[in-house]
Amino acid sequence: MEWTDIGVPLHVAYNAFTQFEDWPTFMRKVENVERVDDTKLSFKGQVFLSHRTWEATITEQVADSHIVWSSTGRRAASAAACPSTK
């Protein structure tokens, strides 16, 4: 697991990471995020030279602490947790 210190209060980072629809405004290569329901998200983004879509499922969410999700797509699967304290 990798950590990155972004130098903002935890609630600011948490709010940014939970406003998924806003990700394209500050994350390069993320083209669109649509919230399907309370736990499902649909993403479209550019990976190298191709455009791909994938689905994410929020598996754990604690306000002003962290959010955990897993994602699946045609070519890969992954999981992430953001933000968190060490």
Protein backbone atom coordinates (compact mmCIF):
# COMPACT_ATOMS: atom_id res chain seq x y z
CA MET A 1 0.00 0.00 0.00
CA GLU A 2 1.23 3.49 -0.82
CA TRP A 3 0.65 6.70 1.16
CA THR A 4 0.64 10.26 -0.09
CA ASP A 5 0.49 13.27 2.21
CA ILE A 6 -1.60 15.95 0.49
CA GLY A 7 -1.33 18.57 3.22
CA VAL A 8 -5.01 19.33 3.87
CA PRO A 9 -7.23 18.54 6.86
CA LEU A 10 -8.77 15.06 6.76
CA HIS A 11 -12.33 16.35 6.33
CA VAL A 12 -11.27 18.35 3.24
CA ALA A 13 -9.64 15.29 1.63
CA TYR A 14 -12.59 13.07 2.58
CA ASN A 15 -15.09 15.50 1.06
CA ALA A 16 -13.07 15.69 -2.17
CA PHE A 17 -12.84 11.92 -2.49
CA THR A 18 -16.53 11.36 -1.84
CA GLN A 19 -17.71 13.88 -4.47
CA PHE A 20 -17.06 11.34 -7.21
CA GLU A 21 -18.88 13.29 -9.90
CA ASP A 22 -16.31 16.10 -9.46
CA TRP A 23 -13.27 13.85 -10.01
CA PRO A 24 -12.91 14.78 -13.70
CA THR A 25 -12.29 18.41 -12.66
CA PHE A 26 -9.12 17.55 -10.71
CA MET A 27 -8.04 14.05 -11.81
CA ARG A 28 -6.39 13.81 -15.19
CA LYS A 29 -7.65 11.04 -17.43
CA VAL A 30 -10.90 10.57 -15.47
CA GLU A 31 -13.51 11.58 -18.03
CA ASN A 32 -16.80 10.85 -16.29
CA VAL A 33 -18.13 9.43 -13.01
CA GLU A 34 -21.77 8.60 -12.49
CA ARG A 35 -23.25 7.53 -9.18
CA VAL A 36 -25.56 4.60 -9.93
CA ASP A 37 -26.83 4.26 -6.34
CA ASP A 38 -25.52 4.70 -2.77
CA THR A 39 -22.76 2.10 -3.23
CA LYS A 40 -22.26 1.76 -7.01
CA LEU A 41 -20.30 4.06 -9.32
CA SER A 42 -19.65 3.98 -13.04
CA PHE A 43 -16.36 5.42 -14.36
CA LYS A 44 -15.01 6.34 -17.77
CA GLY A 45 -11.41 7.28 -18.24
CA GLN A 46 -8.36 7.16 -20.43
CA VAL A 47 -5.78 4.46 -19.76
CA PHE A 48 -2.75 5.01 -21.96
CA LEU A 49 -4.25 5.47 -25.44
CA SER A 50 -7.59 3.74 -24.92
CA HIS A 51 -10.81 4.84 -23.25
CA ARG A 52 -12.20 2.38 -20.71
CA THR A 53 -15.16 2.02 -18.41
CA TRP A 54 -15.31 0.30 -15.06
CA GLU A 55 -17.65 -0.12 -12.11
CA ALA A 56 -16.82 0.48 -8.46
CA THR A 57 -18.60 -0.72 -5.34
CA ILE A 58 -18.15 1.10 -2.04
CA THR A 59 -17.59 -1.58 0.59
CA GLU A 60 -16.95 0.61 3.64
CA GLN A 61 -17.48 4.30 4.36
CA VAL A 62 -16.86 6.15 7.62
CA ALA A 63 -17.59 9.89 7.46
CA ASP A 64 -14.51 12.13 7.77
CA SER A 65 -12.32 9.06 8.09
CA HIS A 66 -12.11 6.77 5.07
CA ILE A 67 -13.83 5.16 2.13
CA VAL A 68 -13.01 1.73 0.71
CA TRP A 69 -14.07 0.45 -2.70
CA SER A 70 -13.38 -2.32 -5.15
CA SER A 71 -13.62 -1.93 -8.89
CA THR A 72 -14.01 -4.23 -11.83
CA GLY A 73 -13.68 -3.59 -15.51
CA ARG A 74 -13.17 -5.46 -18.72
CA ARG A 75 -9.41 -5.63 -18.32
CA ALA A 76 -8.66 -5.29 -14.61
CA ALA A 77 -9.85 -5.19 -11.04
CA SER A 78 -8.57 -3.14 -8.12
CA ALA A 79 -9.32 -1.88 -4.63
CA ALA A 80 -8.58 1.39 -2.86
CA ALA A 81 -9.01 3.17 0.43
CA CYS A 82 -8.97 6.98 0.67
CA PRO A 83 -8.28 9.06 2.69
CA SER A 84 -7.01 7.51 5.86
CA THR A 85 -4.70 8.27 8.72
CA LYS A 86 -1.63 6.19 9.39
